[in-house]
Amino acid sequence: MAASATAEQAQAIIDDQSLAEEQLWEELEKEDIPSYIRESRLEALKKKSYQFNSMKDKQHGEYTLLEEEKAFLDTTTSERLCIVHFFHPDFRRCAIVDSHLETLSRKYFETKFAKISVETAKFLVTKLKIQMLPAIFCFKKGIVVDKIVGFEEIGNTDDFRTEVLELRLAKSGTIEMAADEDPSRKTIFGMKRNAAQNDDSSDDDE
């Protein structure tokens, strides 16, 4: 699975497609790639630029507030990848989740990040059987594929790092991480596994 573009990378392609094409040409010439492959990659770049423009119009790269349930339905059913936080404005832990999701919204431009207040989404709260907050729902093409309720799966502490939530969301497939950020190389608390830890585990087994 390819890594998602950041908001900054997407904006660069949107702002100056001609420069992006020029840079791509230079890279392809260095690699001595056949012309038909060059044309194919340039066409893919143009398509990506159009796609990013459309996503920007839908406020991708931002963490947006959905004011009503209709906006929630429109958003989740029209987006390929979508993450929505059900929150209460007076809950401190919901504010903590907001700060992390806002950061991730800029990193994963191709995933739509949004939030909706449970006070204005009573039908959805009942329909989705939400009984605890914060509640993060992950959607693929309008279908719920995963959810994170409370803090139990993200360290069960208020001061968890953004990477902890990022790794958990990656399991749902709604954010596409780079290969060098492989979740299998990290614990749920965001710490990288190292050889010493593995050796210790082996010693314990013996």
N, C-alpha and C. Protein backbone atom coordinates (compact mmCIF):
# COMPACT_ATOMS: atom_id res chain seq x y z
N MET A 1 0.85 -1.19 0.00
CA MET A 1 0.00 0.00 0.00
C MET A 1 0.89 1.25 0.00
N ALA A 2 0.65 2.15 -0.90
CA ALA A 2 1.47 3.35 -1.01
C ALA A 2 1.15 4.31 0.12
N ALA A 3 2.18 5.05 0.54
CA ALA A 3 1.99 6.03 1.60
C ALA A 3 1.17 7.20 1.08
N SER A 4 0.34 7.75 1.93
CA SER A 4 -0.48 8.90 1.56
C SER A 4 0.37 10.15 1.47
N ALA A 5 -0.05 11.07 0.60
CA ALA A 5 0.63 12.37 0.51
C ALA A 5 0.26 13.22 1.71
N THR A 6 1.19 14.06 2.14
CA THR A 6 0.88 15.03 3.19
C THR A 6 0.15 16.21 2.56
N ALA A 7 -0.44 17.04 3.38
CA ALA A 7 -1.13 18.23 2.87
C ALA A 7 -0.15 19.13 2.14
N GLU A 8 1.08 19.22 2.65
CA GLU A 8 2.10 20.06 2.02
C GLU A 8 2.48 19.54 0.64
N GLN A 9 2.66 18.22 0.53
CA GLN A 9 3.00 17.62 -0.77
C GLN A 9 1.86 17.79 -1.77
N ALA A 10 0.65 17.60 -1.31
CA ALA A 10 -0.51 17.76 -2.19
C ALA A 10 -0.62 19.20 -2.68
N GLN A 11 -0.40 20.15 -1.78
CA GLN A 11 -0.49 21.56 -2.14
C GLN A 11 0.57 21.93 -3.16
N ALA A 12 1.76 21.34 -3.03
CA ALA A 12 2.85 21.63 -3.97
C ALA A 12 2.47 21.20 -5.39
N ILE A 13 1.82 20.05 -5.51
CA ILE A 13 1.39 19.56 -6.82
C ILE A 13 0.26 20.42 -7.37
N ILE A 14 -0.66 20.81 -6.50
CA ILE A 14 -1.77 21.66 -6.92
C ILE A 14 -1.28 23.03 -7.40
N ASP A 15 -0.36 23.62 -6.62
CA ASP A 15 0.11 24.97 -6.91
C ASP A 15 0.95 25.05 -8.18
N ASP A 16 1.75 24.04 -8.43
CA ASP A 16 2.66 24.13 -9.57
C ASP A 16 2.82 22.77 -10.23
N GLN A 17 1.80 22.38 -10.97
CA GLN A 17 1.84 21.10 -11.66
C GLN A 17 2.94 21.08 -12.71
N SER A 18 3.17 22.21 -13.38
CA SER A 18 4.20 22.27 -14.42
C SER A 18 5.58 22.00 -13.83
N LEU A 19 5.85 22.55 -12.63
CA LEU A 19 7.13 22.31 -11.97
C LEU A 19 7.24 20.85 -11.57
N ALA A 20 6.15 20.28 -11.08
CA ALA A 20 6.16 18.87 -10.69
C ALA A 20 6.43 17.99 -11.91
N GLU A 21 5.84 18.35 -13.05
CA GLU A 21 6.08 17.60 -14.28
C GLU A 21 7.54 17.69 -14.69
N GLU A 22 8.11 18.90 -14.59
CA GLU A 22 9.52 19.10 -14.95
C GLU A 22 10.44 18.26 -14.07
N GLN A 23 10.15 18.24 -12.77
CA GLN A 23 10.96 17.44 -11.85
C GLN A 23 10.82 15.96 -12.14
N LEU A 24 9.61 15.53 -12.49
CA LEU A 24 9.40 14.13 -12.83
C LEU A 24 10.15 13.76 -14.09
N TRP A 25 10.13 14.64 -15.12
CA TRP A 25 10.87 14.40 -16.35
C TRP A 25 12.36 14.20 -16.05
N GLU A 26 12.91 15.07 -15.20
CA GLU A 26 14.33 14.98 -14.86
C GLU A 26 14.65 13.64 -14.20
N GLU A 27 13.79 13.20 -13.31
CA GLU A 27 14.01 11.92 -12.63
C GLU A 27 13.92 10.76 -13.61
N LEU A 28 12.94 10.82 -14.51
CA LEU A 28 12.76 9.73 -15.46
C LEU A 28 13.91 9.66 -16.45
N GLU A 29 14.44 10.82 -16.86
CA GLU A 29 15.57 10.84 -17.78
C GLU A 29 16.82 10.24 -17.14
N LYS A 30 17.02 10.52 -15.86
CA LYS A 30 18.16 9.95 -15.15
C LYS A 30 18.07 8.43 -15.08
N GLU A 31 16.86 7.93 -14.98
CA GLU A 31 16.65 6.49 -14.86
C GLU A 31 16.61 5.80 -16.23
N ASP A 32 16.70 6.59 -17.30
CA ASP A 32 16.69 6.03 -18.65
C ASP A 32 15.46 5.13 -18.87
N ILE A 33 14.30 5.69 -18.60
CA ILE A 33 13.05 4.95 -18.71
C ILE A 33 12.43 5.17 -20.10
N PRO A 34 11.88 4.13 -20.72
CA PRO A 34 11.25 4.26 -22.05
C PRO A 34 10.19 5.35 -22.08
N SER A 35 10.02 5.95 -23.25
CA SER A 35 9.11 7.09 -23.39
C SER A 35 7.67 6.76 -23.03
N TYR A 36 7.23 5.55 -23.36
CA TYR A 36 5.82 5.23 -23.09
C TYR A 36 5.55 5.15 -21.58
N ILE A 37 6.56 4.76 -20.82
CA ILE A 37 6.42 4.74 -19.36
C ILE A 37 6.44 6.16 -18.81
N ARG A 38 7.28 7.02 -19.42
CA ARG A 38 7.32 8.43 -19.01
C ARG A 38 5.95 9.07 -19.20
N GLU A 39 5.37 8.83 -20.37
CA GLU A 39 4.06 9.41 -20.67
C GLU A 39 3.01 8.92 -19.67
N SER A 40 3.10 7.65 -19.33
CA SER A 40 2.15 7.07 -18.39
C SER A 40 2.27 7.72 -17.01
N ARG A 41 3.51 7.96 -16.59
CA ARG A 41 3.73 8.57 -15.26
C ARG A 41 3.32 10.04 -15.25
N LEU A 42 3.53 10.72 -16.35
CA LEU A 42 3.10 12.11 -16.43
C LEU A 42 1.58 12.21 -16.40
N GLU A 43 0.94 11.28 -17.08
CA GLU A 43 -0.52 11.25 -17.08
C GLU A 43 -1.05 10.98 -15.67
N ALA A 44 -0.35 10.10 -14.96
CA ALA A 44 -0.73 9.79 -13.58
C ALA A 44 -0.57 11.02 -12.69
N LEU A 45 0.49 11.81 -12.95
CA LEU A 45 0.72 13.03 -12.18
C LEU A 45 -0.40 14.04 -12.41
N LYS A 46 -0.82 14.19 -13.67
CA LYS A 46 -1.91 15.11 -13.99
C LYS A 46 -3.21 14.67 -13.30
N LYS A 47 -3.44 13.36 -13.31
CA LYS A 47 -4.64 12.82 -12.66
C LYS A 47 -4.59 13.08 -11.16
N LYS A 48 -3.39 12.91 -10.58
CA LYS A 48 -3.23 13.13 -9.15
C LYS A 48 -3.46 14.60 -8.79
N SER A 49 -2.99 15.50 -9.65
CA SER A 49 -3.19 16.93 -9.43
C SER A 49 -4.68 17.27 -9.42
N TYR A 50 -5.41 16.72 -10.36
CA TYR A 50 -6.86 16.94 -10.42
C TYR A 50 -7.54 16.37 -9.17
N GLN A 51 -7.11 15.17 -8.78
CA GLN A 51 -7.68 14.52 -7.60
C GLN A 51 -7.43 15.34 -6.34
N PHE A 52 -6.20 15.84 -6.20
CA PHE A 52 -5.86 16.64 -5.02
C PHE A 52 -6.65 17.94 -4.98
N ASN A 53 -6.87 18.53 -6.15
CA ASN A 53 -7.67 19.76 -6.22
C ASN A 53 -9.08 19.51 -5.71
N SER A 54 -9.64 18.38 -6.15
CA SER A 54 -10.99 18.01 -5.72
C SER A 54 -11.03 17.77 -4.21
N MET A 55 -10.01 17.10 -3.70
CA MET A 55 -9.94 16.83 -2.26
C MET A 55 -9.79 18.12 -1.46
N LYS A 56 -9.00 19.04 -1.99
CA LYS A 56 -8.81 20.31 -1.29
C LYS A 56 -10.14 21.06 -1.18
N ASP A 57 -10.95 20.99 -2.23
CA ASP A 57 -12.27 21.63 -2.20
C ASP A 57 -13.14 21.04 -1.09
N LYS A 58 -12.88 19.77 -0.75
CA LYS A 58 -13.64 19.10 0.31
C LYS A 58 -12.94 19.22 1.66
N GLN A 59 -11.96 20.12 1.72
CA GLN A 59 -11.24 20.43 2.97
C GLN A 59 -10.38 19.28 3.48
N HIS A 60 -9.84 18.50 2.54
CA HIS A 60 -8.83 17.52 2.95
C HIS A 60 -7.59 18.28 3.42
N GLY A 61 -6.86 17.69 4.34
CA GLY A 61 -5.72 18.38 4.93
C GLY A 61 -6.11 19.23 6.11
N GLU A 62 -7.41 19.23 6.42
CA GLU A 62 -7.94 19.97 7.57
C GLU A 62 -8.78 19.02 8.43
N TYR A 63 -8.93 19.38 9.68
CA TYR A 63 -9.78 18.64 10.61
C TYR A 63 -11.05 19.45 10.79
N THR A 64 -12.12 19.03 10.14
CA THR A 64 -13.31 19.87 10.03
C THR A 64 -14.44 19.45 10.97
N LEU A 65 -15.24 20.43 11.34
CA LEU A 65 -16.40 20.20 12.19
C LEU A 65 -17.63 19.99 11.31
N LEU A 66 -18.31 18.88 11.50
CA LEU A 66 -19.57 18.60 10.80
C LEU A 66 -20.70 19.14 11.67
N GLU A 67 -21.43 20.09 11.14
CA GLU A 67 -22.42 20.82 11.94
C GLU A 67 -23.72 20.04 12.15
N GLU A 68 -23.99 19.07 11.27
CA GLU A 68 -25.25 18.34 11.37
C GLU A 68 -25.08 16.92 10.85
N GLU A 69 -26.07 16.09 11.13
CA GLU A 69 -25.99 14.68 10.76
C GLU A 69 -25.97 14.48 9.24
N LYS A 70 -26.66 15.34 8.51
CA LYS A 70 -26.65 15.22 7.05
C LYS A 70 -25.23 15.41 6.51
N ALA A 71 -24.50 16.35 7.08
CA ALA A 71 -23.12 16.58 6.66
C ALA A 71 -22.27 15.34 6.93
N PHE A 72 -22.55 14.68 8.04
CA PHE A 72 -21.84 13.43 8.36
C PHE A 72 -22.12 12.38 7.29
N LEU A 73 -23.37 12.20 6.95
CA LEU A 73 -23.75 11.19 5.96
C LEU A 73 -23.16 11.52 4.59
N ASP A 74 -23.23 12.78 4.21
CA ASP A 74 -22.67 13.20 2.92
C ASP A 74 -21.16 12.95 2.87
N THR A 75 -20.49 13.26 3.96
CA THR A 75 -19.04 13.12 4.00
C THR A 75 -18.61 11.66 3.98
N THR A 76 -19.17 10.86 4.85
CA THR A 76 -18.73 9.47 4.96
C THR A 76 -19.08 8.64 3.73
N THR A 77 -20.16 8.98 3.05
CA THR A 77 -20.55 8.20 1.87
C THR A 77 -19.86 8.66 0.59
N SER A 78 -19.29 9.86 0.60
CA SER A 78 -18.64 10.37 -0.62
C SER A 78 -17.12 10.23 -0.59
N GLU A 79 -16.57 9.89 0.56
CA GLU A 79 -15.12 9.78 0.70
C GLU A 79 -14.67 8.32 0.65
N ARG A 80 -13.53 8.10 0.01
CA ARG A 80 -12.96 6.74 -0.02
C ARG A 80 -12.48 6.33 1.37
N LEU A 81 -11.78 7.24 2.03
CA LEU A 81 -11.26 6.99 3.38
C LEU A 81 -11.68 8.14 4.28
N CYS A 82 -12.24 7.82 5.42
CA CYS A 82 -12.75 8.88 6.29
C CYS A 82 -12.65 8.46 7.76
N ILE A 83 -12.24 9.40 8.60
CA ILE A 83 -12.15 9.17 10.05
C ILE A 83 -12.95 10.27 10.74
N VAL A 84 -13.91 9.87 11.57
CA VAL A 84 -14.77 10.84 12.25
C VAL A 84 -14.73 10.62 13.76
N HIS A 85 -14.53 11.70 14.48
CA HIS A 85 -14.50 11.68 15.94
C HIS A 85 -15.83 12.19 16.48
N PHE A 86 -16.52 11.35 17.24
CA PHE A 86 -17.72 11.78 17.95
C PHE A 86 -17.27 12.32 19.30
N PHE A 87 -17.58 13.59 19.55
CA PHE A 87 -17.04 14.25 20.74
C PHE A 87 -18.12 15.00 21.52
N HIS A 88 -17.76 15.36 22.75
CA HIS A 88 -18.59 16.27 23.54
C HIS A 88 -17.71 17.47 23.87
N PRO A 89 -18.20 18.68 23.67
CA PRO A 89 -17.37 19.88 23.86
C PRO A 89 -16.84 20.07 25.28
N ASP A 90 -17.46 19.42 26.26
CA ASP A 90 -17.03 19.59 27.65
C ASP A 90 -16.11 18.47 28.14
N PHE A 91 -15.81 17.50 27.27
CA PHE A 91 -15.00 16.36 27.69
C PHE A 91 -13.52 16.61 27.37
N ARG A 92 -12.70 16.58 28.40
CA ARG A 92 -11.26 16.86 28.23
C ARG A 92 -10.59 15.86 27.30
N ARG A 93 -10.94 14.60 27.43
CA ARG A 93 -10.30 13.58 26.59
C ARG A 93 -10.68 13.74 25.12
N CYS A 94 -11.84 14.28 24.85
CA CYS A 94 -12.22 14.56 23.46
C CYS A 94 -11.32 15.66 22.89
N ALA A 95 -11.00 16.65 23.71
CA ALA A 95 -10.10 17.73 23.27
C ALA A 95 -8.71 17.19 22.99
N ILE A 96 -8.28 16.20 23.77
CA ILE A 96 -6.97 15.58 23.55
C ILE A 96 -6.95 14.87 22.19
N VAL A 97 -8.00 14.12 21.91
CA VAL A 97 -8.11 13.43 20.62
C VAL A 97 -8.13 14.44 19.48
N ASP A 98 -8.84 15.54 19.66
CA ASP A 98 -8.89 16.58 18.63
C ASP A 98 -7.49 17.04 18.22
N SER A 99 -6.63 17.27 19.20
CA SER A 99 -5.29 17.78 18.90
C SER A 99 -4.49 16.79 18.08
N HIS A 100 -4.63 15.50 18.37
CA HIS A 100 -3.89 14.48 17.63
C HIS A 100 -4.46 14.30 16.21
N LEU A 101 -5.77 14.30 16.09
CA LEU A 101 -6.38 14.13 14.76
C LEU A 101 -6.11 15.33 13.86
N GLU A 102 -6.02 16.50 14.45
CA GLU A 102 -5.69 17.68 13.65
C GLU A 102 -4.29 17.54 13.05
N THR A 103 -3.36 17.02 13.84
CA THR A 103 -2.00 16.78 13.35
C THR A 103 -2.01 15.74 12.23
N LEU A 104 -2.73 14.65 12.42
CA LEU A 104 -2.77 13.58 11.43
C LEU A 104 -3.49 14.01 10.15
N SER A 105 -4.43 14.93 10.26
CA SER A 105 -5.15 15.39 9.06
C SER A 105 -4.21 16.08 8.08
N ARG A 106 -3.16 16.71 8.60
CA ARG A 106 -2.18 17.36 7.73
C ARG A 106 -1.19 16.36 7.13
N LYS A 107 -0.99 15.26 7.82
CA LYS A 107 -0.04 14.25 7.36
C LYS A 107 -0.66 13.31 6.33
N TYR A 108 -1.95 13.03 6.47
CA TYR A 108 -2.62 12.08 5.58
C TYR A 108 -3.71 12.80 4.78
N PHE A 109 -3.26 13.49 3.75
CA PHE A 109 -4.15 14.34 2.95
C PHE A 109 -5.26 13.55 2.28
N GLU A 110 -4.99 12.32 1.89
CA GLU A 110 -5.97 11.55 1.12
C GLU A 110 -7.06 10.93 1.99
N THR A 111 -6.94 11.04 3.29
CA THR A 111 -7.98 10.61 4.21
C THR A 111 -8.71 11.84 4.75
N LYS A 112 -10.02 11.79 4.74
CA LYS A 112 -10.81 12.91 5.27
C LYS A 112 -10.96 12.76 6.79
N PHE A 113 -10.56 13.79 7.53
CA PHE A 113 -10.68 13.81 8.99
C PHE A 113 -11.76 14.82 9.39
N ALA A 114 -12.66 14.39 10.27
CA ALA A 114 -13.73 15.30 10.70
C ALA A 114 -14.19 14.92 12.11
N LYS A 115 -15.00 15.80 12.68
CA LYS A 115 -15.58 15.52 14.00
C LYS A 115 -17.01 16.01 14.02
N ILE A 116 -17.80 15.40 14.89
CA ILE A 116 -19.19 15.82 15.04
C ILE A 116 -19.57 15.70 16.51
N SER A 117 -20.28 16.69 17.02
CA SER A 117 -20.68 16.70 18.42
C SER A 117 -21.84 15.73 18.65
N VAL A 118 -21.76 14.99 19.74
CA VAL A 118 -22.85 14.06 20.05
C VAL A 118 -24.13 14.83 20.38
N GLU A 119 -24.00 16.09 20.72
CA GLU A 119 -25.18 16.90 21.04
C GLU A 119 -26.02 17.20 19.80
N THR A 120 -25.38 17.18 18.63
CA THR A 120 -26.11 17.44 17.39
C THR A 120 -26.26 16.18 16.54
N ALA A 121 -25.87 15.04 17.09
CA ALA A 121 -25.91 13.79 16.32
C ALA A 121 -26.56 12.67 17.13
N LYS A 122 -27.69 12.98 17.74
CA LYS A 122 -28.33 12.01 18.63
C LYS A 122 -28.81 10.76 17.89
N PHE A 123 -29.29 10.93 16.66
CA PHE A 123 -29.72 9.77 15.88
C PHE A 123 -28.53 8.85 15.61
N LEU A 124 -27.39 9.44 15.21
CA LEU A 124 -26.20 8.66 14.91
C LEU A 124 -25.65 7.97 16.16
N VAL A 125 -25.70 8.66 17.28
CA VAL A 125 -25.23 8.08 18.54
C VAL A 125 -26.02 6.81 18.85
N THR A 126 -27.33 6.86 18.62
CA THR A 126 -28.17 5.68 18.84
C THR A 126 -27.90 4.60 17.79
N LYS A 127 -27.83 5.03 16.54
CA LYS A 127 -27.63 4.09 15.43
C LYS A 127 -26.29 3.36 15.55
N LEU A 128 -25.25 4.08 15.93
CA LEU A 128 -23.92 3.48 16.03
C LEU A 128 -23.62 2.94 17.43
N LYS A 129 -24.60 3.03 18.31
CA LYS A 129 -24.50 2.49 19.67
C LYS A 129 -23.30 3.05 20.43
N ILE A 130 -23.16 4.37 20.37
CA ILE A 130 -22.05 5.03 21.05
C ILE A 130 -22.43 5.25 22.52
N GLN A 131 -21.67 4.64 23.41
CA GLN A 131 -21.96 4.74 24.84
C GLN A 131 -20.81 5.34 25.63
N MET A 132 -19.67 5.51 24.97
CA MET A 132 -18.49 6.07 25.65
C MET A 132 -17.77 7.01 24.70
N LEU A 133 -17.20 8.07 25.27
CA LEU A 133 -16.43 9.05 24.49
C LEU A 133 -15.02 9.15 25.06
N PRO A 134 -14.07 9.56 24.20
CA PRO A 134 -14.21 9.83 22.77
C PRO A 134 -14.44 8.54 21.97
N ALA A 135 -15.08 8.69 20.82
CA ALA A 135 -15.33 7.56 19.93
C ALA A 135 -14.90 7.95 18.51
N ILE A 136 -13.95 7.21 17.98
CA ILE A 136 -13.43 7.48 16.64
C ILE A 136 -13.89 6.36 15.71
N PHE A 137 -14.59 6.73 14.64
CA PHE A 137 -15.08 5.75 13.68
C PHE A 137 -14.31 5.88 12.37
N CYS A 138 -13.92 4.73 11.82
CA CYS A 138 -13.16 4.68 10.56
C CYS A 138 -14.06 4.13 9.45
N PHE A 139 -14.10 4.84 8.33
CA PHE A 139 -14.97 4.47 7.22
C PHE A 139 -14.17 4.24 5.93
N LYS A 140 -14.61 3.25 5.17
CA LYS A 140 -14.13 3.06 3.80
C LYS A 140 -15.35 3.02 2.90
N LYS A 141 -15.45 4.01 2.03
CA LYS A 141 -16.57 4.12 1.10
C LYS A 141 -17.92 4.01 1.82
N GLY A 142 -18.02 4.71 2.94
CA GLY A 142 -19.28 4.78 3.66
C GLY A 142 -19.56 3.65 4.63
N ILE A 143 -18.66 2.68 4.70
CA ILE A 143 -18.86 1.52 5.58
C ILE A 143 -17.92 1.60 6.78
N VAL A 144 -18.46 1.38 7.97
CA VAL A 144 -17.63 1.36 9.18
C VAL A 144 -16.74 0.13 9.15
N VAL A 145 -15.43 0.35 9.21
CA VAL A 145 -14.49 -0.77 9.19
C VAL A 145 -13.76 -0.93 10.52
N ASP A 146 -13.84 0.08 11.38
CA ASP A 146 -13.14 0.01 12.65
C ASP A 146 -13.61 1.15 13.55
N LYS A 147 -13.36 1.02 14.83
CA LYS A 147 -13.66 2.11 15.76
C LYS A 147 -12.74 2.02 16.97
N ILE A 148 -12.47 3.18 17.55
CA ILE A 148 -11.65 3.27 18.76
C ILE A 148 -12.49 4.02 19.79
N VAL A 149 -12.79 3.36 20.88
CA VAL A 149 -13.64 3.95 21.92
C VAL A 149 -12.84 4.09 23.20
N GLY A 150 -12.83 5.30 23.76
CA GLY A 150 -12.04 5.53 24.96
C GLY A 150 -10.55 5.53 24.66
N PHE A 151 -9.75 5.36 25.69
CA PHE A 151 -8.28 5.41 25.54
C PHE A 151 -7.62 4.06 25.75
N GLU A 152 -8.40 3.02 25.96
CA GLU A 152 -7.83 1.71 26.31
C GLU A 152 -6.87 1.19 25.24
N GLU A 153 -7.21 1.40 23.96
CA GLU A 153 -6.37 0.87 22.88
C GLU A 153 -5.22 1.80 22.50
N ILE A 154 -5.16 2.96 23.10
CA ILE A 154 -4.10 3.91 22.75
C ILE A 154 -3.29 4.32 23.99
N GLY A 155 -3.04 3.33 24.83
CA GLY A 155 -2.15 3.55 25.96
C GLY A 155 -2.83 3.77 27.29
N ASN A 156 -4.15 4.06 27.26
CA ASN A 156 -4.92 4.29 28.48
C ASN A 156 -4.33 5.40 29.36
N THR A 157 -3.80 6.42 28.70
CA THR A 157 -3.23 7.57 29.40
C THR A 157 -3.53 8.83 28.61
N ASP A 158 -3.65 9.96 29.30
CA ASP A 158 -3.98 11.21 28.62
C ASP A 158 -2.82 11.77 27.80
N ASP A 159 -1.59 11.40 28.15
CA ASP A 159 -0.44 12.00 27.47
C ASP A 159 0.19 11.06 26.43
N PHE A 160 -0.66 10.26 25.76
CA PHE A 160 -0.14 9.41 24.69
C PHE A 160 0.35 10.26 23.52
N ARG A 161 1.28 9.70 22.75
CA ARG A 161 1.83 10.43 21.61
C ARG A 161 0.95 10.25 20.38
N THR A 162 1.04 11.19 19.46
CA THR A 162 0.26 11.10 18.22
C THR A 162 0.55 9.80 17.48
N GLU A 163 1.81 9.35 17.52
CA GLU A 163 2.20 8.13 16.82
C GLU A 163 1.42 6.91 17.31
N VAL A 164 1.02 6.91 18.57
CA VAL A 164 0.27 5.78 19.12
C VAL A 164 -1.09 5.67 18.44
N LEU A 165 -1.78 6.80 18.32
CA LEU A 165 -3.07 6.82 17.62
C LEU A 165 -2.87 6.53 16.14
N GLU A 166 -1.81 7.05 15.57
CA GLU A 166 -1.51 6.83 14.15
C GLU A 166 -1.36 5.34 13.85
N LEU A 167 -0.60 4.64 14.69
CA LEU A 167 -0.40 3.20 14.50
C LEU A 167 -1.71 2.43 14.62
N ARG A 168 -2.53 2.84 15.56
CA ARG A 168 -3.81 2.16 15.74
C ARG A 168 -4.73 2.40 14.54
N LEU A 169 -4.76 3.62 14.04
CA LEU A 169 -5.59 3.92 12.87
C LEU A 169 -5.10 3.19 11.63
N ALA A 170 -3.79 2.99 11.54
CA ALA A 170 -3.22 2.29 10.38
C ALA A 170 -3.75 0.87 10.28
N LYS A 171 -4.07 0.27 11.41
CA LYS A 171 -4.61 -1.10 11.39
C LYS A 171 -5.95 -1.17 10.68
N SER A 172 -6.67 -0.06 10.66
CA SER A 172 -7.98 -0.03 10.01
C SER A 172 -7.86 0.11 8.50
N GLY A 173 -6.68 0.55 8.04
CA GLY A 173 -6.48 0.78 6.61
C GLY A 173 -7.00 2.12 6.13
N THR A 174 -7.40 2.99 7.05
CA THR A 174 -7.92 4.29 6.64
C THR A 174 -6.84 5.36 6.55
N ILE A 175 -5.65 5.05 7.03
CA ILE A 175 -4.48 5.87 6.71
C ILE A 175 -3.41 4.94 6.16
N GLU A 176 -2.64 5.44 5.21
CA GLU A 176 -1.67 4.61 4.50
C GLU A 176 -0.27 5.07 4.85
N MET A 177 0.39 4.31 5.71
CA MET A 177 1.70 4.71 6.23
C MET A 177 2.82 4.34 5.28
N ALA A 178 3.93 5.08 5.38
CA ALA A 178 5.11 4.78 4.59
C ALA A 178 5.73 3.48 5.08
N ALA A 179 6.49 2.82 4.21
CA ALA A 179 7.08 1.53 4.54
C ALA A 179 8.00 1.61 5.75
N ASP A 180 8.72 2.74 5.89
CA ASP A 180 9.65 2.87 7.01
C ASP A 180 8.95 3.21 8.33
N GLU A 181 7.62 3.29 8.29
CA GLU A 181 6.86 3.50 9.52
C GLU A 181 6.00 2.28 9.82
N ASP A 182 6.53 1.12 9.47
CA ASP A 182 5.82 -0.15 9.61
C ASP A 182 5.36 -0.35 11.05
N PRO A 183 4.06 -0.48 11.29
CA PRO A 183 3.56 -0.65 12.65
C PRO A 183 4.11 -1.88 13.35
N SER A 184 4.50 -2.90 12.61
CA SER A 184 5.01 -4.12 13.23
C SER A 184 6.33 -3.90 13.94
N ARG A 185 6.99 -2.76 13.64
CA ARG A 185 8.26 -2.45 14.27
C ARG A 185 8.10 -1.60 15.52
N LYS A 186 6.84 -1.35 15.91
CA LYS A 186 6.61 -0.53 17.09
C LYS A 186 5.61 -1.20 18.02
N THR A 187 5.72 -0.88 19.29
CA THR A 187 4.74 -1.37 20.25
C THR A 187 3.54 -0.45 20.23
N ILE A 188 2.48 -0.83 20.88
CA ILE A 188 1.26 -0.02 20.90
C ILE A 188 1.50 1.32 21.59
N PHE A 189 2.58 1.43 22.40
CA PHE A 189 2.88 2.68 23.07
C PHE A 189 3.81 3.56 22.26
N GLY A 190 4.07 3.16 21.00
CA GLY A 190 4.83 4.02 20.10
C GLY A 190 6.33 3.85 20.19
N MET A 191 6.84 2.90 20.99
CA MET A 191 8.27 2.70 21.13
C MET A 191 8.75 1.71 20.07
N LYS A 192 9.91 2.00 19.46
CA LYS A 192 10.45 1.10 18.47
C LYS A 192 11.02 -0.15 19.14
N ARG A 193 10.76 -1.29 18.52
CA ARG A 193 11.36 -2.52 19.02
C ARG A 193 12.82 -2.55 18.57
N ASN A 194 13.70 -3.01 19.42
CA ASN A 194 15.10 -3.11 19.03
C ASN A 194 15.63 -4.50 19.28
N ALA A 195 16.84 -4.73 18.81
CA ALA A 195 17.41 -6.06 18.90
C ALA A 195 17.57 -6.50 20.34
N ALA A 196 17.92 -5.56 21.23
CA ALA A 196 18.12 -5.89 22.63
C ALA A 196 16.84 -6.42 23.26
N GLN A 197 15.71 -5.79 22.91
CA GLN A 197 14.44 -6.24 23.44
C GLN A 197 14.12 -7.64 22.97
N ASN A 198 14.39 -7.90 21.68
CA ASN A 198 14.13 -9.22 21.14
C ASN A 198 15.01 -10.27 21.79
N ASP A 199 16.29 -9.90 22.06
CA ASP A 199 17.21 -10.83 22.70
C ASP A 199 16.75 -11.15 24.11
N ASP A 200 16.27 -10.11 24.83
CA ASP A 200 15.77 -10.32 26.18
C ASP A 200 14.60 -11.29 26.19
N SER A 201 13.73 -11.12 25.18
CA SER A 201 12.57 -12.00 25.09
C SER A 201 13.00 -13.43 24.87
N SER A 202 14.04 -13.60 24.01
CA SER A 202 14.54 -14.93 23.72
C SER A 202 15.12 -15.56 24.96
N ASP A 203 15.87 -14.75 25.75
CA ASP A 203 16.48 -15.25 26.98
C ASP A 203 15.41 -15.70 27.97
N ASP A 204 14.32 -14.92 28.03
CA ASP A 204 13.25 -15.25 28.96
C ASP A 204 12.60 -16.58 28.61
N ASP A 205 12.52 -16.83 27.28
CA ASP A 205 11.88 -18.05 26.83
C ASP A 205 12.70 -19.28 27.20
N GLU A 206 14.04 -19.08 27.25
CA GLU A 206 14.91 -20.21 27.52
C GLU A 206 14.89 -20.51 28.96
